[in-house]
Amino acid sequence: MLSETFFVTSLFCAVACRTIYLEHNTITLEEVTFLRKYGYMEEAEGDFSVEADFAYTDLSVEEALKKMQAFAGLPQTGTLDTETKKAGYGRKRCGVKDIIKNESTISRNKRYILQRGWNKHTITYRVLNGSSTLDKSRVEALIAEGLAVWAPHGMLRFKKVETGPADIKVSFAAGDHGDGFPFDGQGRVVAHAFPPPHGAIHFDDDELWGGDPDAEDDDITDFFAVAVHEIGHALGLSHSNDKASVMYPYYQVPTEKLQMDDILGMRELYLKDGSPSDIEDDIESSSQSSHVPRFTKPDRGEVEENEIPDLCLTNYDTLQVIRGKIYVFEEEWVWVLRDRNTLEEGYPKRFHEVFIGLPASVTVIKTIYEKHNRDIVIFSGRNYWQFSPSFRLMIRGNLSDYHIPPEVPGLTTVFISNYNNKTYLIDDERFWRFDEITETMDDGYPKDMSAWREVPYPVDAAIIWKGDTYFFRGPRFWRFDNSLIKAHEYYPLPTAQIWFDCEASEDMNQYITNDGP
């Protein structure tokens, strides 16, 4: 009798529990709409809103749920369990489809999906407006940062235009804004973008946009994190089911460096000849979180003091004025001075900590300058790396871009003259004059360095500081007179004593006479 009662009770429980389970896990019209919207289910014929129960079979819903769960990194149960509801629905996300028709990311070896890229490497962009919580100038700055994250992985150049047409157009709108993909108010879909050749990026103006990824208010959406993702779409990438990827469809902060998935996609679109080792270098040099402070004080507990060169006892690899401050490079270190003898707090530090994305293979900086547009360029051999004003890698290139002949192995100094605003590129005994506006080399170059009278060569650095031109070589420097086209007669002087407030010594006396060509 006991066993019979147990059997009946168990049978009743199994049926009842199953019924309760199904009631709690039955997919709703809203949830099926989600699966259709993001490409997990085929469009049904007829009035879906009226006859939702008959539009799809249990099997089709189960398969769609499995695809969605796989994309979201969830167990592929095929049922609408609690974890799926929590992780897959109601979260902030991009409004672009996860699965494009006739594409399946689940069965492919590579997770990224490509649409089409731009058929060029110089791409224009324009920010049309700001949001109700983020002004236009701040949006422009963050968009420039986001573009810089992608640029080096496709050898792309981005040029901002203020008016007229642009390849990538950035704007804020709310609700139905005329593109057939209306926004849904605060939360859920926060933005969407269109691949080339359309290139538009739309952000939902009903969101509370902010610029701090560490903000504790869940209602605030970090603009930079979303912008980097949407830029990926505007460059031709679709969604990835790799949670670490920037192209993962769900909102996540902070935005980390591009991952293998993102880089492979860019290589496929813009660089067909990238080798696996090149990609590993890309990942190694790709930026850390874009919101990590770029000028944090180094941990002296991890740095032996005797590892750091003494500015009073070194010849310096190079010096340059960047962002109105003096940058001094020696070995793997950089010092920053606000003025002569005034060191910026937190320095010295390793220059790879400052120039985010510079390859580890660059172990010394001997040539660097700031362009007219405030980008910073570092040269090593025939190669150069161009950084945004916020010190993030944007472009990699070759000296041929500056029209330097192929037989020139590298440069010793580059600077922009305040006399004629031309860019001077110097090797050991010659120099060229380049026009950055027209991107052409002036006629009659190269010329011999002897044209800079009374300045020994080769020089280690040339800078413009407070209206004057200075040349540096070894432990001494010269002030140049642009009108007389020669160094002032009371130079050279010792660099360490004048610029770094080092104590005078008998050794410095030998640094006040010329000893070069």
Protein backbone atom coordinates (compact mmCIF):
# COMPACT_ATOMS: atom_id res chain seq x y z
CA MET A 1 0.00 0.00 0.00
CA LEU A 2 2.83 2.32 0.88
CA SER A 3 4.59 1.67 -2.40
CA GLU A 4 1.35 2.18 -4.31
CA THR A 5 0.74 5.50 -2.55
CA PHE A 6 4.33 6.56 -3.21
CA PHE A 7 3.92 5.72 -6.91
CA VAL A 8 0.69 7.74 -7.25
CA THR A 9 2.17 10.65 -5.32
CA SER A 10 5.34 10.61 -7.37
CA LEU A 11 3.38 10.44 -10.60
CA PHE A 12 1.20 13.37 -9.52
CA CYS A 13 4.26 15.38 -8.50
CA ALA A 14 6.00 14.69 -11.80
CA VAL A 15 3.00 15.84 -13.81
CA ALA A 16 2.28 18.84 -11.61
CA CYS A 17 5.92 19.93 -11.38
CA ARG A 18 6.28 19.59 -15.14
CA THR A 19 3.13 21.70 -15.63
CA ILE A 20 4.40 24.38 -13.24
CA TYR A 21 7.81 24.32 -14.94
CA LEU A 22 6.24 24.78 -18.37
CA GLU A 23 4.03 27.61 -17.12
CA HIS A 24 7.03 29.44 -15.72
CA ASN A 25 9.19 28.77 -18.79
CA THR A 26 6.67 29.30 -21.57
CA ILE A 27 8.05 31.79 -24.06
CA THR A 28 6.04 34.97 -24.46
CA LEU A 29 5.22 37.08 -27.50
CA GLU A 30 7.78 39.65 -26.39
CA GLU A 31 10.50 37.02 -26.07
CA VAL A 32 9.76 35.46 -29.46
CA THR A 33 9.87 38.97 -30.92
CA PHE A 34 13.37 39.30 -29.42
CA LEU A 35 14.49 36.04 -31.10
CA ARG A 36 13.14 37.22 -34.44
CA LYS A 37 14.60 40.70 -34.12
CA TYR A 38 18.14 39.47 -33.57
CA GLY A 39 18.12 36.80 -36.26
CA TYR A 40 17.60 33.62 -34.22
CA MET A 41 14.21 32.81 -35.81
CA GLU A 42 12.99 33.17 -39.36
CA GLU A 43 10.25 35.68 -40.04
CA ALA A 44 6.79 34.06 -39.90
CA GLU A 45 4.04 34.67 -42.42
CA GLY A 46 0.71 36.16 -41.41
CA ASP A 47 -0.22 38.30 -38.43
CA PHE A 48 2.36 37.19 -35.90
CA SER A 49 0.97 39.38 -33.13
CA VAL A 50 -2.45 37.68 -33.35
CA GLU A 51 -1.46 34.05 -33.89
CA ALA A 52 1.89 33.79 -32.12
CA ASP A 53 1.06 30.34 -30.73
CA PHE A 54 0.73 28.91 -34.23
CA ALA A 55 3.55 30.77 -35.95
CA TYR A 56 6.35 28.54 -34.66
CA THR A 57 6.72 24.94 -33.56
CA ASP A 58 8.13 23.91 -30.19
CA LEU A 59 11.19 22.61 -32.01
CA SER A 60 11.84 25.91 -33.83
CA VAL A 61 11.59 27.84 -30.57
CA GLU A 62 13.91 25.38 -28.83
CA GLU A 63 16.51 25.68 -31.60
CA ALA A 64 16.25 29.46 -31.56
CA LEU A 65 16.75 29.54 -27.80
CA LYS A 66 19.81 27.31 -28.09
CA LYS A 67 21.32 29.68 -30.64
CA MET A 68 20.62 32.67 -28.43
CA GLN A 69 22.04 30.89 -25.39
CA ALA A 70 25.18 29.95 -27.29
CA PHE A 71 25.66 33.52 -28.42
CA ALA A 72 25.15 34.81 -24.87
CA GLY A 73 27.55 32.22 -23.46
CA LEU A 74 24.84 30.32 -21.57
CA PRO A 75 24.16 26.58 -21.26
CA GLN A 76 22.27 25.52 -24.39
CA THR A 77 19.18 24.06 -22.72
CA GLY A 78 16.68 25.20 -25.34
CA THR A 79 14.32 26.28 -22.55
CA LEU A 80 13.61 29.73 -21.19
CA ASP A 81 15.15 29.12 -17.78
CA THR A 82 15.86 31.74 -15.15
CA GLU A 83 19.47 32.24 -16.21
CA THR A 84 18.46 32.79 -19.83
CA LYS A 85 15.83 35.33 -18.84
CA LYS A 86 18.32 37.18 -16.65
CA ALA A 87 21.30 37.09 -19.02
CA GLY A 88 19.62 37.21 -22.41
CA TYR A 89 16.61 39.49 -22.04
CA GLY A 90 16.26 42.96 -20.64
CA ARG A 91 19.99 43.72 -20.70
CA LYS A 92 21.43 46.77 -22.38
CA ARG A 93 22.69 45.80 -25.80
CA CYS A 94 23.31 46.83 -29.38
CA GLY A 95 20.32 46.84 -31.72
CA VAL A 96 22.13 45.14 -34.63
CA LYS A 97 21.19 41.51 -35.40
CA ASP A 98 23.37 38.82 -33.85
CA ILE A 99 22.86 36.39 -36.72
CA ILE A 100 22.65 37.66 -40.25
CA LYS A 101 20.50 35.65 -42.65
CA ASN A 102 22.34 32.65 -44.11
CA GLU A 103 25.10 33.04 -41.52
CA SER A 104 25.68 30.83 -38.50
CA THR A 105 28.28 31.77 -35.94
CA ILE A 106 27.76 28.65 -33.84
CA SER A 107 29.10 26.13 -36.31
CA ARG A 108 31.95 28.22 -37.63
CA ASN A 109 35.58 28.05 -36.54
CA LYS A 110 35.77 31.83 -36.38
CA ARG A 111 33.24 33.70 -34.29
CA TYR A 112 33.34 37.06 -36.02
CA ILE A 113 31.07 37.78 -38.98
CA LEU A 114 32.03 40.22 -41.71
CA GLN A 115 29.73 42.27 -43.88
CA ARG A 116 31.85 44.59 -45.99
CA GLY A 117 34.57 47.10 -45.28
CA TRP A 118 35.40 50.46 -46.79
CA ASN A 119 37.38 50.15 -50.00
CA LYS A 120 39.89 52.72 -48.75
CA HIS A 121 42.09 53.36 -45.73
CA THR A 122 41.33 57.05 -45.13
CA ILE A 123 37.84 57.35 -43.69
CA THR A 124 36.03 60.58 -42.83
CA TYR A 125 33.69 60.98 -39.89
CA ARG A 126 31.39 63.65 -38.52
CA VAL A 127 29.56 64.07 -35.22
CA LEU A 128 26.20 65.68 -35.97
CA ASN A 129 25.03 66.43 -32.44
CA GLY A 130 25.45 65.72 -28.77
CA SER A 131 23.05 64.05 -26.36
CA SER A 132 20.87 65.51 -23.64
CA THR A 133 23.48 64.38 -21.08
CA LEU A 134 26.74 64.60 -23.08
CA ASP A 135 27.70 67.71 -25.04
CA LYS A 136 28.95 67.53 -28.63
CA SER A 137 32.57 68.39 -27.85
CA ARG A 138 32.79 65.55 -25.34
CA VAL A 139 31.17 63.17 -27.84
CA GLU A 140 33.70 64.19 -30.49
CA ALA A 141 36.60 63.53 -28.12
CA LEU A 142 35.29 60.09 -27.15
CA ILE A 143 34.54 59.15 -30.76
CA ALA A 144 38.12 60.09 -31.70
CA GLU A 145 39.33 57.83 -28.88
CA GLY A 146 37.12 55.00 -30.11
CA LEU A 147 38.34 55.32 -33.69
CA ALA A 148 41.92 55.23 -32.42
CA VAL A 149 41.25 51.81 -30.85
CA TRP A 150 40.46 50.33 -34.27
CA ALA A 151 42.77 52.32 -36.57
CA PRO A 152 46.08 50.44 -36.18
CA HIS A 153 44.47 47.05 -36.79
CA GLY A 154 43.37 48.00 -40.29
CA MET A 155 46.06 50.61 -41.07
CA LEU A 156 43.23 53.16 -41.17
CA ARG A 157 43.34 56.94 -40.99
CA PHE A 158 40.31 58.82 -39.68
CA LYS A 159 39.69 62.43 -40.66
CA LYS A 160 37.07 64.55 -38.91
CA VAL A 161 34.93 66.86 -41.04
CA GLU A 162 32.78 69.63 -39.60
CA THR A 163 30.25 69.98 -42.41
CA GLY A 164 29.01 68.15 -45.46
CA PRO A 165 29.09 64.42 -46.21
CA ALA A 166 31.18 61.94 -44.24
CA ASP A 167 31.71 58.19 -44.39
CA ILE A 168 30.79 57.63 -40.73
CA LYS A 169 28.06 59.89 -39.33
CA VAL A 170 27.40 59.93 -35.56
CA SER A 171 24.14 61.21 -34.11
CA PHE A 172 21.69 60.91 -31.22
CA ALA A 173 17.97 60.30 -31.70
CA ALA A 174 15.04 58.89 -29.75
CA GLY A 175 12.13 56.61 -30.59
CA ASP A 176 11.26 56.27 -34.26
CA HIS A 177 13.97 58.29 -35.99
CA GLY A 178 13.32 57.33 -39.60
CA ASP A 179 15.73 54.48 -40.29
CA GLY A 180 13.27 51.61 -39.75
CA PHE A 181 14.85 50.62 -36.42
CA PRO A 182 13.14 52.68 -33.70
CA PHE A 183 14.69 52.95 -30.25
CA ASP A 184 12.81 51.63 -27.23
CA GLY A 185 13.43 54.24 -24.51
CA GLN A 186 15.89 53.94 -21.65
CA GLY A 187 17.50 50.50 -21.33
CA ARG A 188 17.65 47.52 -23.68
CA VAL A 189 18.73 48.82 -27.12
CA VAL A 190 21.20 51.66 -26.53
CA ALA A 191 22.58 52.13 -30.06
CA HIS A 192 22.89 50.63 -33.51
CA ALA A 193 25.07 51.17 -36.57
CA PHE A 194 25.13 50.39 -40.26
CA PRO A 195 28.02 48.84 -42.22
CA PRO A 196 29.70 50.47 -45.21
CA PRO A 197 28.76 52.16 -47.44
CA HIS A 198 26.04 53.59 -45.14
CA GLY A 199 28.27 54.07 -42.10
CA ALA A 200 25.75 55.76 -39.78
CA ILE A 201 25.95 55.30 -35.99
CA HIS A 202 22.85 56.16 -33.95
CA PHE A 203 22.75 56.43 -30.15
CA ASP A 204 19.47 56.40 -28.20
CA ASP A 205 19.05 59.86 -26.72
CA ASP A 206 16.70 58.47 -24.07
CA GLU A 207 19.72 56.86 -22.41
CA LEU A 208 21.59 58.66 -19.64
CA TRP A 209 24.97 58.82 -21.34
CA GLY A 210 28.11 59.32 -19.29
CA GLY A 211 31.86 59.30 -19.70
CA ASP A 212 32.89 57.31 -16.63
CA PRO A 213 32.89 53.48 -16.88
CA ASP A 214 33.22 53.21 -13.12
CA ALA A 215 30.01 55.11 -12.42
CA GLU A 216 28.00 53.18 -9.84
CA ASP A 217 24.62 54.31 -11.19
CA ASP A 218 23.30 51.43 -13.33
CA ASP A 219 21.07 53.86 -15.21
CA ILE A 220 24.10 55.64 -16.68
CA THR A 221 25.47 54.10 -19.88
CA ASP A 222 29.16 54.57 -20.62
CA PHE A 223 29.36 56.24 -24.01
CA PHE A 224 32.91 55.20 -24.86
CA ALA A 225 32.22 51.48 -24.36
CA VAL A 226 29.19 51.61 -26.66
CA ALA A 227 30.96 53.84 -29.21
CA VAL A 228 33.88 51.43 -29.67
CA HIS A 229 31.43 48.60 -30.35
CA GLU A 230 29.33 50.59 -32.82
CA ILE A 231 32.43 51.81 -34.67
CA GLY A 232 33.21 48.14 -35.28
CA HIS A 233 29.88 47.83 -37.10
CA ALA A 234 30.53 51.03 -39.09
CA LEU A 235 33.83 49.47 -40.22
CA GLY A 236 32.12 46.27 -41.41
CA LEU A 237 32.15 43.87 -38.45
CA SER A 238 29.06 42.13 -37.11
CA HIS A 239 28.54 40.59 -33.68
CA SER A 240 30.77 37.99 -32.05
CA ASN A 241 29.72 35.36 -29.50
CA ASP A 242 33.07 35.75 -27.73
CA LYS A 243 32.32 37.50 -24.42
CA ALA A 244 35.79 39.09 -24.39
CA SER A 245 35.31 40.57 -27.85
CA VAL A 246 34.47 44.24 -28.30
CA MET A 247 31.84 43.04 -30.79
CA TYR A 248 29.95 40.99 -28.19
CA PRO A 249 26.38 42.35 -28.49
CA TYR A 250 25.67 42.94 -24.80
CA TYR A 251 26.77 46.07 -22.95
CA GLN A 252 29.83 45.59 -20.79
CA VAL A 253 32.33 47.94 -19.15
CA PRO A 254 35.11 48.82 -19.03
CA THR A 255 36.03 48.39 -22.67
CA GLU A 256 39.18 46.30 -22.85
CA LYS A 257 41.69 45.98 -25.68
CA LEU A 258 40.68 44.37 -28.95
CA GLN A 259 40.80 40.59 -28.80
CA MET A 260 41.83 38.01 -31.38
CA ASP A 261 38.28 37.90 -32.76
CA ASP A 262 38.16 41.65 -33.38
CA ILE A 263 41.67 41.80 -34.84
CA LEU A 264 41.10 38.84 -37.16
CA GLY A 265 37.97 40.52 -38.47
CA MET A 266 39.83 43.75 -39.17
CA ARG A 267 42.66 41.86 -40.84
CA GLU A 268 40.19 40.04 -43.05
CA LEU A 269 38.52 43.30 -44.07
CA TYR A 270 41.52 45.58 -44.48
CA LEU A 271 44.78 43.61 -44.30
CA LYS A 272 44.81 40.41 -46.29
CA ASP A 273 48.49 39.61 -45.69
CA GLY A 274 48.64 39.62 -41.89
CA SER A 275 50.60 36.70 -40.42
CA PRO A 276 49.75 34.97 -37.12
CA SER A 277 52.81 36.53 -35.49
CA ASP A 278 51.65 39.97 -36.63
CA ILE A 279 48.30 39.35 -34.98
CA GLU A 280 49.96 38.28 -31.75
CA ASP A 281 51.95 41.53 -31.82
CA ASP A 282 48.69 43.42 -32.35
CA ILE A 283 47.16 41.78 -29.28
CA GLU A 284 50.31 42.40 -27.25
CA SER A 285 50.43 46.07 -28.16
CA SER A 286 46.68 46.69 -28.23
CA SER A 287 45.57 49.16 -25.61
CA GLN A 288 44.52 48.36 -22.09
CA SER A 289 41.21 49.72 -20.85
CA SER A 290 40.73 53.09 -22.49
CA HIS A 291 39.83 54.54 -19.13
CA VAL A 292 42.98 53.54 -17.27
CA PRO A 293 44.78 56.80 -16.35
CA ARG A 294 47.63 57.29 -18.78
CA PHE A 295 49.88 59.11 -16.35
CA THR A 296 49.87 57.10 -13.16
CA LYS A 297 52.89 57.22 -10.90
CA PRO A 298 55.05 54.10 -11.24
CA ASP A 299 55.27 51.74 -8.30
CA ARG A 300 58.75 52.38 -6.97
CA GLY A 301 58.53 49.07 -5.13
CA GLU A 302 58.76 47.36 -8.51
CA VAL A 303 61.46 49.64 -9.94
CA GLU A 304 65.01 49.53 -8.71
CA GLU A 305 66.36 53.07 -8.52
CA ASN A 306 69.62 52.01 -10.13
CA GLU A 307 67.69 50.93 -13.21
CA ILE A 308 66.76 54.54 -13.99
CA PRO A 309 69.37 56.66 -15.79
CA ASP A 310 70.51 59.85 -14.05
CA LEU A 311 69.51 62.91 -16.09
CA CYS A 312 72.67 64.64 -14.88
CA LEU A 313 74.93 61.88 -16.18
CA THR A 314 73.50 60.92 -19.55
CA ASN A 315 73.58 62.08 -23.18
CA TYR A 316 69.81 61.56 -23.82
CA ASP A 317 68.42 59.65 -26.76
CA THR A 318 66.22 62.58 -27.75
CA LEU A 319 64.09 65.45 -26.47
CA GLN A 320 60.90 66.91 -27.90
CA VAL A 321 58.13 69.33 -27.00
CA ILE A 322 54.76 67.55 -26.91
CA ARG A 323 51.53 69.11 -25.71
CA GLY A 324 53.50 72.12 -24.47
CA LYS A 325 55.80 70.06 -22.24
CA ILE A 326 59.35 68.81 -22.68
CA TYR A 327 59.68 65.03 -23.08
CA VAL A 328 63.15 63.59 -22.47
CA PHE A 329 63.94 60.02 -23.57
CA GLU A 330 66.79 57.81 -22.46
CA GLU A 331 66.85 54.02 -22.78
CA GLU A 332 63.32 52.77 -21.93
CA TRP A 333 62.46 55.82 -19.80
CA VAL A 334 60.76 59.15 -20.33
CA TRP A 335 60.78 62.29 -18.18
CA VAL A 336 58.27 65.11 -18.63
CA LEU A 337 59.06 68.70 -17.66
CA ARG A 338 56.51 71.49 -17.38
CA ASP A 339 59.36 73.96 -17.79
CA ARG A 340 63.10 73.97 -17.48
CA ASN A 341 64.08 72.34 -14.20
CA THR A 342 60.43 71.54 -13.33
CA LEU A 343 59.72 67.81 -13.48
CA GLU A 344 56.13 66.59 -13.88
CA GLU A 345 54.97 64.53 -10.90
CA GLY A 346 55.09 60.75 -11.40
CA TYR A 347 58.07 60.67 -13.73
CA PRO A 348 60.24 59.07 -14.95
CA LYS A 349 58.30 56.10 -16.21
CA ARG A 350 58.74 53.58 -19.00
CA PHE A 351 57.63 55.10 -22.27
CA HIS A 352 55.47 52.06 -23.13
CA GLU A 353 53.25 53.09 -20.19
CA VAL A 354 52.71 56.48 -21.85
CA PHE A 355 52.41 55.60 -25.54
CA ILE A 356 49.67 52.99 -25.46
CA GLY A 357 50.01 50.51 -28.30
CA LEU A 358 53.68 51.09 -29.14
CA PRO A 359 55.10 47.65 -30.02
CA ALA A 360 57.37 46.02 -27.45
CA SER A 361 59.99 45.64 -30.19
CA VAL A 362 60.61 49.42 -29.96
CA THR A 363 63.12 49.52 -27.10
CA VAL A 364 64.43 53.05 -27.57
CA ILE A 365 62.93 56.29 -28.87
CA LYS A 366 65.38 58.40 -30.83
CA THR A 367 62.98 60.33 -33.09
CA ILE A 368 59.60 61.76 -32.12
CA TYR A 369 57.60 64.89 -32.92
CA GLU A 370 54.14 66.44 -32.64
CA LYS A 371 52.33 67.15 -35.92
CA HIS A 372 50.26 70.22 -36.75
CA ASN A 373 47.09 68.29 -35.91
CA ARG A 374 48.56 67.40 -32.47
CA ASP A 375 49.09 63.73 -33.31
CA ILE A 376 52.44 62.37 -32.10
CA VAL A 377 54.72 60.32 -34.36
CA ILE A 378 57.47 57.96 -33.16
CA PHE A 379 60.04 56.76 -35.71
CA SER A 380 62.20 53.63 -35.55
CA GLY A 381 64.19 52.68 -38.64
CA ARG A 382 61.96 53.00 -41.70
CA ASN A 383 58.77 52.58 -39.65
CA TYR A 384 56.67 55.03 -37.69
CA TRP A 385 53.73 54.86 -35.29
CA GLN A 386 51.25 57.73 -35.09
CA PHE A 387 49.38 58.37 -31.84
CA SER A 388 46.32 60.45 -31.05
CA PRO A 389 46.69 63.53 -28.79
CA SER A 390 45.70 61.22 -25.92
CA PHE A 391 48.68 58.95 -26.69
CA ARG A 392 46.79 56.03 -28.22
CA LEU A 393 48.15 54.27 -31.30
CA MET A 394 46.24 55.18 -34.47
CA ILE A 395 48.39 54.52 -37.54
CA ARG A 396 51.44 52.51 -38.52
CA GLY A 397 53.39 53.61 -41.54
CA ASN A 398 56.66 53.84 -43.44
CA LEU A 399 59.06 56.68 -44.23
CA SER A 400 57.86 56.48 -47.82
CA ASP A 401 54.71 58.27 -46.59
CA TYR A 402 56.98 61.27 -46.01
CA HIS A 403 58.64 60.77 -49.43
CA ILE A 404 61.97 59.82 -47.82
CA PRO A 405 64.02 57.77 -50.34
CA PRO A 406 64.17 53.99 -49.70
CA GLU A 407 67.96 54.02 -49.25
CA VAL A 408 67.61 56.13 -46.07
CA PRO A 409 67.62 53.63 -43.15
CA GLY A 410 66.09 55.99 -40.62
CA LEU A 411 65.96 59.50 -39.19
CA THR A 412 67.75 61.10 -36.25
CA THR A 413 65.46 64.09 -35.69
CA VAL A 414 62.10 65.46 -36.87
CA PHE A 415 60.63 68.83 -35.88
CA ILE A 416 58.29 71.54 -37.17
CA SER A 417 59.95 74.94 -37.59
CA ASN A 418 58.20 77.96 -36.12
CA TYR A 419 59.85 80.04 -38.86
CA ASN A 420 57.94 78.59 -41.81
CA ASN A 421 55.73 75.85 -40.24
CA LYS A 422 57.43 73.21 -42.39
CA THR A 423 58.42 69.76 -41.10
CA TYR A 424 62.15 69.07 -41.13
CA LEU A 425 63.28 65.45 -41.33
CA ILE A 426 66.94 64.94 -40.52
CA ASP A 427 69.29 62.00 -40.91
CA ASP A 428 72.98 62.07 -40.05
CA GLU A 429 74.22 64.64 -42.60
CA ARG A 430 71.15 65.64 -44.64
CA PHE A 431 67.70 67.08 -44.10
CA TRP A 432 64.42 67.28 -46.00
CA ARG A 433 61.63 69.87 -45.78
CA PHE A 434 58.12 68.45 -45.89
CA ASP A 435 54.76 70.21 -46.22
CA GLU A 436 52.21 68.42 -44.02
CA ILE A 437 49.27 70.31 -45.50
CA THR A 438 49.89 69.17 -49.07
CA GLU A 439 51.79 66.03 -48.01
CA THR A 440 54.55 66.87 -50.49
CA MET A 441 58.32 67.28 -50.25
CA ASP A 442 59.64 70.75 -51.07
CA ASP A 443 61.80 71.01 -54.16
CA GLY A 444 65.57 71.06 -53.82
CA TYR A 445 65.87 68.59 -50.96
CA PRO A 446 67.71 66.94 -49.35
CA LYS A 447 70.25 69.55 -48.33
CA ASP A 448 73.42 69.24 -46.33
CA MET A 449 73.27 69.78 -42.55
CA SER A 450 76.06 72.32 -42.87
CA ALA A 451 73.30 74.78 -43.84
CA TRP A 452 72.56 75.03 -40.09
CA ARG A 453 75.72 77.03 -39.45
CA GLU A 454 77.64 76.53 -36.23
CA VAL A 455 75.49 73.50 -35.30
CA PRO A 456 77.53 70.26 -35.20
CA TYR A 457 75.88 67.18 -36.66
CA PRO A 458 74.48 64.58 -36.49
CA VAL A 459 72.05 66.04 -33.96
CA ASP A 460 70.09 64.03 -31.40
CA ALA A 461 67.14 66.41 -31.15
CA ALA A 462 65.69 69.70 -32.35
CA ILE A 463 62.90 71.45 -30.47
CA ILE A 464 60.97 74.71 -30.47
CA TRP A 465 60.66 76.07 -26.94
CA LYS A 466 59.08 79.44 -26.13
CA GLY A 467 59.66 80.68 -29.65
CA ASP A 468 63.31 79.65 -29.95
CA THR A 469 64.88 76.74 -31.86
CA TYR A 470 67.30 74.50 -29.97
CA PHE A 471 69.52 71.69 -31.23
CA PHE A 472 70.86 68.98 -28.90
CA ARG A 473 73.85 66.74 -29.38
CA GLY A 474 75.33 64.56 -26.67
CA PRO A 475 75.53 66.51 -23.38
CA ARG A 476 75.23 70.01 -24.92
CA PHE A 477 72.77 72.19 -26.81
CA TRP A 478 72.70 75.20 -29.18
CA ARG A 479 70.20 78.00 -29.56
CA PHE A 480 69.64 78.78 -33.24
CA ASP A 481 68.99 82.22 -34.70
CA ASN A 482 66.49 81.83 -37.57
CA SER A 483 67.20 85.29 -38.96
CA LEU A 484 70.99 84.89 -39.01
CA ILE A 485 70.65 81.19 -39.92
CA LYS A 486 73.35 80.24 -37.44
CA ALA A 487 73.72 79.26 -33.81
CA HIS A 488 74.13 82.08 -31.29
CA GLU A 489 77.76 82.77 -30.60
CA TYR A 490 77.61 82.09 -26.86
CA TYR A 491 76.55 78.47 -27.41
CA PRO A 492 76.87 75.50 -26.83
CA LEU A 493 75.95 75.13 -23.17
CA PRO A 494 75.62 71.99 -21.01
CA THR A 495 72.13 70.50 -21.23
CA ALA A 496 72.03 68.98 -17.75
CA GLN A 497 72.96 72.20 -15.96
CA ILE A 498 70.59 74.47 -17.90
CA TRP A 499 67.55 72.26 -18.49
CA PHE A 500 67.60 69.84 -15.56
CA ASP A 501 69.04 71.96 -12.75
CA CYS A 502 72.02 69.68 -12.21
CA GLU A 503 74.93 70.93 -10.16
CA ALA A 504 77.83 72.40 -12.13
CA SER A 505 81.01 70.38 -12.31
CA GLU A 506 84.44 70.69 -13.86
CA ASP A 507 83.42 68.12 -16.45
CA MET A 508 80.74 70.49 -17.74
CA ASN A 509 83.35 73.06 -18.75
CA GLN A 510 84.27 70.91 -21.71
CA TYR A 511 80.71 71.18 -22.98
CA ILE A 512 80.90 74.85 -23.93
CA THR A 513 82.93 74.45 -27.11
CA ASN A 514 81.97 72.99 -30.46
CA ASP A 515 83.72 69.77 -31.38
CA GLY A 516 81.80 68.66 -34.47
CA PRO A 517 81.66 69.49 -38.20
